[in-house]
Amino acid sequence: MNVSIVTFPQTKVAAISHVGDPSQEHATARKLIAWKIENRLLDPVSHRSYGLHYTDPRSIDRAQHRVDFCLSFDGTVPENAYGIVGMVIPSARCALARDVGSRTDNSAAQFLYDQWLPASGERLSGQPLIFHYVNVGPNVQAHEAITDVYMPIL
């Protein structure tokens, strides 16, 4: 797998947190999607989709699993019924790998943790993994899904 070292830029986002069973993540993500549609933030270049993965669901109690689903958004997030809030993804030096295929089993994240990191001499920064969901929407087939995985390192 191809890995490059890049700087992820500071990015303002609208976000919603999911804490708990990973199998319920889609229900949380649907709230962000509904907010996105309601606010007509449909341009995927201007409003990129991200996931901040704080925990590895393979190695943590499912009740403690956490991911923030985010949409790049330069404005102020108004109060809303969905629980969407404004936040900032900080700039970070990252190892970057691309995953193509189902988002339920991200091979790039697994590769970065299990193979690349131990052999690289790099150390984790303590920030969550950043998944950039490059192509999203109802017309994206699971085998066509593209996710760029940014692993923040020191």
N, C-alpha and C. Protein backbone atom coordinates (compact mmCIF):
# COMPACT_ATOMS: atom_id res chain seq x y z
N MET A 1 0.86 -1.17 0.00
CA MET A 1 0.00 0.00 0.00
C MET A 1 0.90 1.23 0.00
N ASN A 2 0.52 2.23 -0.76
CA ASN A 2 1.27 3.47 -0.89
C ASN A 2 0.98 4.39 0.30
N VAL A 3 2.02 4.86 0.99
CA VAL A 3 1.87 5.77 2.12
C VAL A 3 2.76 6.99 1.86
N SER A 4 2.19 8.17 2.05
CA SER A 4 2.98 9.40 1.93
C SER A 4 2.80 10.22 3.21
N ILE A 5 3.78 11.09 3.48
CA ILE A 5 3.71 11.99 4.62
C ILE A 5 3.22 13.34 4.10
N VAL A 6 2.13 13.83 4.68
CA VAL A 6 1.51 15.09 4.23
C VAL A 6 1.13 15.92 5.46
N THR A 7 0.76 17.16 5.20
CA THR A 7 0.20 18.00 6.25
C THR A 7 -1.28 18.17 5.98
N PHE A 8 -2.10 17.68 6.90
CA PHE A 8 -3.54 17.87 6.79
C PHE A 8 -3.81 19.31 7.22
N PRO A 9 -4.56 20.08 6.41
CA PRO A 9 -4.78 21.49 6.76
C PRO A 9 -5.85 21.65 7.83
N GLN A 10 -5.71 22.71 8.66
CA GLN A 10 -6.76 23.03 9.61
C GLN A 10 -8.07 23.18 8.84
N THR A 11 -9.13 22.56 9.34
CA THR A 11 -10.39 22.53 8.61
C THR A 11 -11.56 22.77 9.55
N LYS A 12 -12.34 23.82 9.28
CA LYS A 12 -13.57 24.07 10.05
C LYS A 12 -14.64 23.09 9.56
N VAL A 13 -15.37 22.53 10.50
CA VAL A 13 -16.39 21.54 10.15
C VAL A 13 -17.66 21.71 10.99
N ALA A 14 -18.74 21.17 10.46
CA ALA A 14 -19.95 20.92 11.22
C ALA A 14 -19.86 19.44 11.60
N ALA A 15 -20.16 19.09 12.84
CA ALA A 15 -19.89 17.72 13.30
C ALA A 15 -20.97 17.20 14.24
N ILE A 16 -21.04 15.87 14.27
CA ILE A 16 -21.88 15.16 15.24
C ILE A 16 -21.09 13.96 15.74
N SER A 17 -21.13 13.72 17.05
CA SER A 17 -20.39 12.62 17.66
C SER A 17 -21.25 11.38 17.77
N HIS A 18 -20.60 10.24 17.53
CA HIS A 18 -21.22 8.95 17.77
C HIS A 18 -20.38 8.26 18.84
N VAL A 19 -21.02 7.87 19.92
CA VAL A 19 -20.35 7.11 20.97
C VAL A 19 -21.15 5.84 21.18
N GLY A 20 -20.47 4.70 21.11
CA GLY A 20 -21.15 3.44 21.32
C GLY A 20 -20.94 2.47 20.19
N ASP A 21 -21.83 1.53 20.08
CA ASP A 21 -21.73 0.42 19.14
C ASP A 21 -21.47 0.90 17.70
N PRO A 22 -20.36 0.45 17.08
CA PRO A 22 -20.07 0.86 15.71
C PRO A 22 -21.18 0.49 14.72
N SER A 23 -21.96 -0.54 15.02
CA SER A 23 -23.02 -0.93 14.10
C SER A 23 -24.13 0.12 14.02
N GLN A 24 -24.13 1.08 14.94
CA GLN A 24 -25.15 2.13 14.95
C GLN A 24 -24.64 3.46 14.37
N GLU A 25 -23.42 3.47 13.84
CA GLU A 25 -22.84 4.71 13.31
C GLU A 25 -23.68 5.32 12.20
N HIS A 26 -24.26 4.48 11.35
CA HIS A 26 -25.01 4.99 10.21
C HIS A 26 -26.18 5.88 10.65
N ALA A 27 -26.83 5.52 11.74
CA ALA A 27 -27.94 6.33 12.25
C ALA A 27 -27.46 7.72 12.65
N THR A 28 -26.27 7.80 13.23
CA THR A 28 -25.70 9.10 13.59
C THR A 28 -25.33 9.88 12.34
N ALA A 29 -24.69 9.22 11.39
CA ALA A 29 -24.28 9.88 10.14
C ALA A 29 -25.49 10.42 9.39
N ARG A 30 -26.61 9.72 9.47
CA ARG A 30 -27.83 10.18 8.76
C ARG A 30 -28.30 11.53 9.29
N LYS A 31 -28.04 11.84 10.56
CA LYS A 31 -28.41 13.15 11.11
C LYS A 31 -27.59 14.25 10.43
N LEU A 32 -26.29 14.00 10.24
CA LEU A 32 -25.45 14.98 9.55
C LEU A 32 -25.89 15.13 8.09
N ILE A 33 -26.24 14.03 7.46
CA ILE A 33 -26.71 14.07 6.07
C ILE A 33 -28.00 14.88 5.97
N ALA A 34 -28.92 14.68 6.89
CA ALA A 34 -30.18 15.43 6.88
C ALA A 34 -29.91 16.92 7.05
N TRP A 35 -29.00 17.28 7.98
CA TRP A 35 -28.63 18.69 8.18
C TRP A 35 -27.99 19.26 6.92
N LYS A 36 -27.12 18.48 6.30
CA LYS A 36 -26.45 18.89 5.06
C LYS A 36 -27.46 19.18 3.96
N ILE A 37 -28.44 18.31 3.79
CA ILE A 37 -29.47 18.49 2.75
C ILE A 37 -30.35 19.70 3.08
N GLU A 38 -30.76 19.79 4.34
CA GLU A 38 -31.61 20.90 4.78
C GLU A 38 -30.96 22.26 4.53
N ASN A 39 -29.63 22.30 4.67
CA ASN A 39 -28.89 23.55 4.50
C ASN A 39 -28.29 23.70 3.10
N ARG A 40 -28.64 22.78 2.21
CA ARG A 40 -28.22 22.81 0.79
C ARG A 40 -26.70 22.89 0.65
N LEU A 41 -26.01 22.05 1.40
CA LEU A 41 -24.55 21.99 1.38
C LEU A 41 -24.13 20.76 0.57
N LEU A 42 -24.53 20.72 -0.67
CA LEU A 42 -24.43 19.50 -1.48
C LEU A 42 -23.18 19.42 -2.35
N ASP A 43 -22.43 20.52 -2.50
CA ASP A 43 -21.23 20.49 -3.33
C ASP A 43 -20.12 19.72 -2.59
N PRO A 44 -19.72 18.54 -3.10
CA PRO A 44 -18.74 17.71 -2.39
C PRO A 44 -17.33 18.30 -2.38
N VAL A 45 -17.06 19.30 -3.21
CA VAL A 45 -15.75 19.95 -3.20
C VAL A 45 -15.70 21.00 -2.09
N SER A 46 -16.77 21.78 -1.97
CA SER A 46 -16.83 22.81 -0.93
C SER A 46 -17.14 22.23 0.45
N HIS A 47 -17.85 21.13 0.48
CA HIS A 47 -18.31 20.54 1.75
C HIS A 47 -17.90 19.07 1.78
N ARG A 48 -16.64 18.85 2.16
CA ARG A 48 -16.08 17.51 2.18
C ARG A 48 -16.54 16.74 3.43
N SER A 49 -16.67 15.44 3.29
CA SER A 49 -17.13 14.58 4.37
C SER A 49 -15.95 13.90 5.06
N TYR A 50 -15.95 13.96 6.41
CA TYR A 50 -14.87 13.39 7.21
C TYR A 50 -15.43 12.55 8.35
N GLY A 51 -14.59 11.67 8.84
CA GLY A 51 -14.84 10.95 10.08
C GLY A 51 -13.59 11.05 10.93
N LEU A 52 -13.73 11.45 12.18
CA LEU A 52 -12.61 11.48 13.12
C LEU A 52 -12.75 10.25 14.00
N HIS A 53 -11.84 9.32 13.85
CA HIS A 53 -11.93 8.03 14.54
C HIS A 53 -10.99 8.02 15.74
N TYR A 54 -11.58 8.15 16.92
CA TYR A 54 -10.83 8.25 18.16
C TYR A 54 -10.41 6.89 18.69
N THR A 55 -11.14 5.86 18.34
CA THR A 55 -10.90 4.53 18.89
C THR A 55 -10.85 3.51 17.77
N ASP A 56 -10.21 2.41 18.04
CA ASP A 56 -10.16 1.29 17.10
C ASP A 56 -11.23 0.29 17.55
N PRO A 57 -12.31 0.14 16.77
CA PRO A 57 -13.39 -0.75 17.20
C PRO A 57 -12.95 -2.21 17.34
N ARG A 58 -11.77 -2.56 16.81
CA ARG A 58 -11.26 -3.93 16.95
C ARG A 58 -10.72 -4.18 18.35
N SER A 59 -10.34 -3.10 19.07
CA SER A 59 -9.63 -3.32 20.33
C SER A 59 -10.23 -2.59 21.53
N ILE A 60 -11.40 -2.03 21.38
CA ILE A 60 -11.99 -1.29 22.50
C ILE A 60 -13.40 -1.81 22.77
N ASP A 61 -13.83 -1.67 24.01
CA ASP A 61 -15.20 -1.99 24.37
C ASP A 61 -16.13 -1.17 23.47
N ARG A 62 -17.08 -1.82 22.84
CA ARG A 62 -17.99 -1.17 21.89
C ARG A 62 -18.69 0.05 22.51
N ALA A 63 -18.95 0.02 23.80
CA ALA A 63 -19.64 1.13 24.46
C ALA A 63 -18.75 2.38 24.51
N GLN A 64 -17.43 2.21 24.40
CA GLN A 64 -16.50 3.33 24.46
C GLN A 64 -16.07 3.81 23.07
N HIS A 65 -16.50 3.14 22.04
CA HIS A 65 -16.12 3.52 20.67
C HIS A 65 -16.63 4.93 20.36
N ARG A 66 -15.77 5.76 19.70
CA ARG A 66 -16.17 7.13 19.37
C ARG A 66 -15.68 7.52 17.99
N VAL A 67 -16.57 8.14 17.23
CA VAL A 67 -16.24 8.74 15.95
C VAL A 67 -17.07 10.01 15.79
N ASP A 68 -16.45 11.07 15.26
CA ASP A 68 -17.18 12.30 14.92
C ASP A 68 -17.35 12.32 13.41
N PHE A 69 -18.58 12.48 12.95
CA PHE A 69 -18.85 12.63 11.52
C PHE A 69 -18.90 14.12 11.23
N CYS A 70 -18.19 14.54 10.18
CA CYS A 70 -17.99 15.97 9.94
C CYS A 70 -18.22 16.33 8.47
N LEU A 71 -18.54 17.59 8.27
CA LEU A 71 -18.71 18.17 6.95
C LEU A 71 -17.96 19.50 6.95
N SER A 72 -17.01 19.68 6.03
CA SER A 72 -16.29 20.96 6.02
C SER A 72 -17.30 22.07 5.79
N PHE A 73 -17.17 23.12 6.63
CA PHE A 73 -18.17 24.19 6.65
C PHE A 73 -17.53 25.42 7.27
N ASP A 74 -17.43 26.50 6.49
CA ASP A 74 -16.74 27.70 6.96
C ASP A 74 -17.61 28.62 7.81
N GLY A 75 -18.90 28.42 7.81
CA GLY A 75 -19.80 29.31 8.55
C GLY A 75 -19.92 28.94 10.01
N THR A 76 -20.80 29.65 10.69
CA THR A 76 -21.14 29.34 12.07
C THR A 76 -22.31 28.36 12.04
N VAL A 77 -22.19 27.28 12.77
CA VAL A 77 -23.25 26.28 12.80
C VAL A 77 -24.34 26.77 13.75
N PRO A 78 -25.54 27.03 13.22
CA PRO A 78 -26.62 27.49 14.09
C PRO A 78 -27.17 26.34 14.94
N GLU A 79 -27.84 26.69 16.04
CA GLU A 79 -28.52 25.65 16.83
C GLU A 79 -29.44 24.89 15.91
N ASN A 80 -29.53 23.58 16.15
CA ASN A 80 -30.36 22.75 15.27
C ASN A 80 -30.86 21.53 16.03
N ALA A 81 -31.86 20.89 15.48
CA ALA A 81 -32.49 19.75 16.12
C ALA A 81 -31.67 18.46 16.00
N TYR A 82 -30.63 18.47 15.17
CA TYR A 82 -29.86 17.26 14.90
C TYR A 82 -28.69 17.06 15.87
N GLY A 83 -28.31 18.10 16.58
CA GLY A 83 -27.14 18.01 17.46
C GLY A 83 -25.83 18.27 16.74
N ILE A 84 -25.90 18.92 15.59
CA ILE A 84 -24.71 19.27 14.82
C ILE A 84 -24.07 20.50 15.46
N VAL A 85 -22.76 20.48 15.65
CA VAL A 85 -22.03 21.60 16.25
C VAL A 85 -20.82 21.95 15.38
N GLY A 86 -20.31 23.15 15.56
CA GLY A 86 -19.10 23.57 14.87
C GLY A 86 -17.87 23.13 15.62
N MET A 87 -16.85 22.76 14.89
CA MET A 87 -15.56 22.42 15.49
C MET A 87 -14.47 22.61 14.45
N VAL A 88 -13.23 22.43 14.85
CA VAL A 88 -12.10 22.57 13.95
C VAL A 88 -11.25 21.31 14.02
N ILE A 89 -10.93 20.76 12.86
CA ILE A 89 -9.93 19.68 12.80
C ILE A 89 -8.59 20.40 12.69
N PRO A 90 -7.70 20.21 13.66
CA PRO A 90 -6.43 20.95 13.61
C PRO A 90 -5.51 20.43 12.51
N SER A 91 -4.63 21.31 12.07
CA SER A 91 -3.60 20.92 11.12
C SER A 91 -2.73 19.85 11.77
N ALA A 92 -2.27 18.89 10.97
CA ALA A 92 -1.46 17.82 11.53
C ALA A 92 -0.56 17.21 10.46
N ARG A 93 0.62 16.82 10.89
CA ARG A 93 1.51 16.02 10.05
C ARG A 93 0.94 14.61 10.07
N CYS A 94 0.76 14.01 8.89
CA CYS A 94 0.05 12.73 8.81
C CYS A 94 0.69 11.77 7.82
N ALA A 95 0.53 10.49 8.11
CA ALA A 95 0.75 9.45 7.11
C ALA A 95 -0.58 9.30 6.39
N LEU A 96 -0.54 9.26 5.06
CA LEU A 96 -1.75 9.19 4.25
C LEU A 96 -1.75 7.92 3.42
N ALA A 97 -2.85 7.17 3.48
CA ALA A 97 -3.05 5.99 2.65
C ALA A 97 -4.49 5.99 2.15
N ARG A 98 -4.70 5.47 0.96
CA ARG A 98 -6.04 5.44 0.35
C ARG A 98 -6.62 4.05 0.40
N ASP A 99 -7.89 3.99 0.81
CA ASP A 99 -8.65 2.75 0.80
C ASP A 99 -9.71 2.83 -0.29
N VAL A 100 -9.84 1.78 -1.07
CA VAL A 100 -10.90 1.68 -2.06
C VAL A 100 -11.69 0.42 -1.73
N GLY A 101 -12.98 0.60 -1.48
CA GLY A 101 -13.84 -0.53 -1.13
C GLY A 101 -14.75 -0.18 0.03
N SER A 102 -15.42 -1.16 0.52
CA SER A 102 -16.43 -0.97 1.56
C SER A 102 -15.87 -0.21 2.75
N ARG A 103 -16.65 0.74 3.23
CA ARG A 103 -16.22 1.53 4.39
C ARG A 103 -16.39 0.77 5.70
N THR A 104 -16.96 -0.41 5.67
CA THR A 104 -17.13 -1.19 6.90
C THR A 104 -15.85 -1.92 7.30
N ASP A 105 -14.87 -2.00 6.40
CA ASP A 105 -13.63 -2.71 6.69
C ASP A 105 -12.49 -1.95 6.02
N ASN A 106 -11.98 -0.92 6.68
CA ASN A 106 -11.00 -0.03 6.06
C ASN A 106 -9.61 -0.64 6.12
N SER A 107 -9.14 -1.15 4.99
CA SER A 107 -7.83 -1.82 4.95
C SER A 107 -6.68 -0.83 5.08
N ALA A 108 -6.87 0.43 4.66
CA ALA A 108 -5.80 1.43 4.79
C ALA A 108 -5.52 1.72 6.26
N ALA A 109 -6.57 1.90 7.06
CA ALA A 109 -6.37 2.16 8.49
C ALA A 109 -5.68 0.97 9.16
N GLN A 110 -6.13 -0.23 8.82
CA GLN A 110 -5.50 -1.43 9.39
C GLN A 110 -4.03 -1.52 8.99
N PHE A 111 -3.73 -1.23 7.73
CA PHE A 111 -2.35 -1.28 7.26
C PHE A 111 -1.49 -0.25 8.00
N LEU A 112 -2.00 0.98 8.12
CA LEU A 112 -1.24 2.02 8.81
C LEU A 112 -0.92 1.61 10.25
N TYR A 113 -1.90 1.12 10.98
CA TYR A 113 -1.69 0.71 12.37
C TYR A 113 -0.81 -0.53 12.49
N ASP A 114 -1.15 -1.56 11.71
CA ASP A 114 -0.54 -2.88 11.92
C ASP A 114 0.82 -3.06 11.24
N GLN A 115 1.04 -2.42 10.10
CA GLN A 115 2.28 -2.65 9.37
C GLN A 115 3.13 -1.39 9.22
N TRP A 116 2.55 -0.31 8.73
CA TRP A 116 3.34 0.87 8.42
C TRP A 116 3.92 1.50 9.69
N LEU A 117 3.09 1.78 10.69
CA LEU A 117 3.55 2.48 11.89
C LEU A 117 4.70 1.75 12.59
N PRO A 118 4.58 0.44 12.86
CA PRO A 118 5.69 -0.24 13.55
C PRO A 118 7.01 -0.20 12.77
N ALA A 119 6.94 -0.19 11.44
CA ALA A 119 8.15 -0.21 10.62
C ALA A 119 8.67 1.18 10.29
N SER A 120 7.90 2.22 10.59
CA SER A 120 8.23 3.57 10.11
C SER A 120 9.18 4.35 11.02
N GLY A 121 9.20 4.03 12.29
CA GLY A 121 9.95 4.83 13.24
C GLY A 121 9.19 6.07 13.69
N GLU A 122 7.98 6.26 13.20
CA GLU A 122 7.13 7.39 13.57
C GLU A 122 6.35 7.05 14.83
N ARG A 123 5.79 8.10 15.46
CA ARG A 123 4.95 7.92 16.64
C ARG A 123 3.62 8.62 16.42
N LEU A 124 2.57 8.05 17.01
CA LEU A 124 1.25 8.67 16.93
C LEU A 124 1.25 9.98 17.70
N SER A 125 0.49 10.95 17.21
CA SER A 125 0.42 12.25 17.87
C SER A 125 -0.61 12.30 19.00
N GLY A 126 -1.52 11.35 19.00
CA GLY A 126 -2.60 11.37 19.98
C GLY A 126 -3.89 11.93 19.41
N GLN A 127 -3.84 12.50 18.21
CA GLN A 127 -5.06 12.97 17.54
C GLN A 127 -5.74 11.78 16.87
N PRO A 128 -7.05 11.88 16.63
CA PRO A 128 -7.76 10.77 15.99
C PRO A 128 -7.38 10.61 14.52
N LEU A 129 -7.55 9.40 14.01
CA LEU A 129 -7.43 9.18 12.57
C LEU A 129 -8.48 10.04 11.87
N ILE A 130 -8.11 10.58 10.73
CA ILE A 130 -9.04 11.38 9.93
C ILE A 130 -9.35 10.60 8.66
N PHE A 131 -10.60 10.27 8.48
CA PHE A 131 -11.04 9.62 7.24
C PHE A 131 -11.68 10.71 6.38
N HIS A 132 -11.19 10.89 5.17
CA HIS A 132 -11.85 11.77 4.20
C HIS A 132 -12.60 10.86 3.25
N TYR A 133 -13.92 10.94 3.34
CA TYR A 133 -14.78 10.13 2.48
C TYR A 133 -14.86 10.85 1.13
N VAL A 134 -13.99 10.47 0.21
CA VAL A 134 -13.79 11.19 -1.05
C VAL A 134 -15.06 11.20 -1.89
N ASN A 135 -15.71 10.07 -2.00
CA ASN A 135 -16.96 10.01 -2.76
C ASN A 135 -18.06 9.48 -1.85
N VAL A 136 -19.13 10.22 -1.76
CA VAL A 136 -20.24 9.84 -0.89
C VAL A 136 -21.55 9.98 -1.66
N GLY A 137 -22.57 9.37 -1.14
CA GLY A 137 -23.90 9.53 -1.72
C GLY A 137 -24.54 8.20 -2.07
N PRO A 138 -25.82 8.26 -2.38
CA PRO A 138 -26.58 7.03 -2.62
C PRO A 138 -26.16 6.29 -3.89
N ASN A 139 -25.45 6.94 -4.80
CA ASN A 139 -25.05 6.28 -6.04
C ASN A 139 -23.67 5.64 -5.97
N VAL A 140 -22.99 5.76 -4.83
CA VAL A 140 -21.66 5.17 -4.68
C VAL A 140 -21.83 3.72 -4.20
N GLN A 141 -21.39 2.79 -5.02
CA GLN A 141 -21.43 1.38 -4.64
C GLN A 141 -20.31 1.09 -3.63
N ALA A 142 -20.52 0.13 -2.75
CA ALA A 142 -19.55 -0.17 -1.69
C ALA A 142 -18.16 -0.43 -2.26
N HIS A 143 -18.05 -1.17 -3.34
CA HIS A 143 -16.74 -1.50 -3.91
C HIS A 143 -16.07 -0.31 -4.59
N GLU A 144 -16.82 0.80 -4.79
CA GLU A 144 -16.29 2.00 -5.42
C GLU A 144 -15.95 3.10 -4.41
N ALA A 145 -16.25 2.88 -3.14
CA ALA A 145 -16.04 3.90 -2.12
C ALA A 145 -14.54 4.19 -1.97
N ILE A 146 -14.19 5.47 -1.94
CA ILE A 146 -12.81 5.91 -1.77
C ILE A 146 -12.70 6.67 -0.46
N THR A 147 -11.77 6.24 0.38
CA THR A 147 -11.53 6.90 1.66
C THR A 147 -10.04 7.15 1.82
N ASP A 148 -9.66 8.42 1.96
CA ASP A 148 -8.28 8.75 2.28
C ASP A 148 -8.15 8.75 3.79
N VAL A 149 -7.19 7.99 4.30
CA VAL A 149 -6.97 7.85 5.74
C VAL A 149 -5.71 8.62 6.14
N TYR A 150 -5.90 9.60 7.03
CA TYR A 150 -4.80 10.41 7.54
C TYR A 150 -4.52 9.97 8.98
N MET A 151 -3.31 9.49 9.23
CA MET A 151 -2.90 9.09 10.58
C MET A 151 -1.99 10.19 11.14
N PRO A 152 -2.46 10.99 12.11
CA PRO A 152 -1.62 12.06 12.67
C PRO A 152 -0.42 11.49 13.42
N ILE A 153 0.76 11.97 13.03
CA ILE A 153 2.00 11.50 13.64
C ILE A 153 2.83 12.71 14.10
N LEU A 154 3.79 12.44 14.97
CA LEU A 154 4.67 13.51 15.49
C LEU A 154 5.78 13.79 14.49
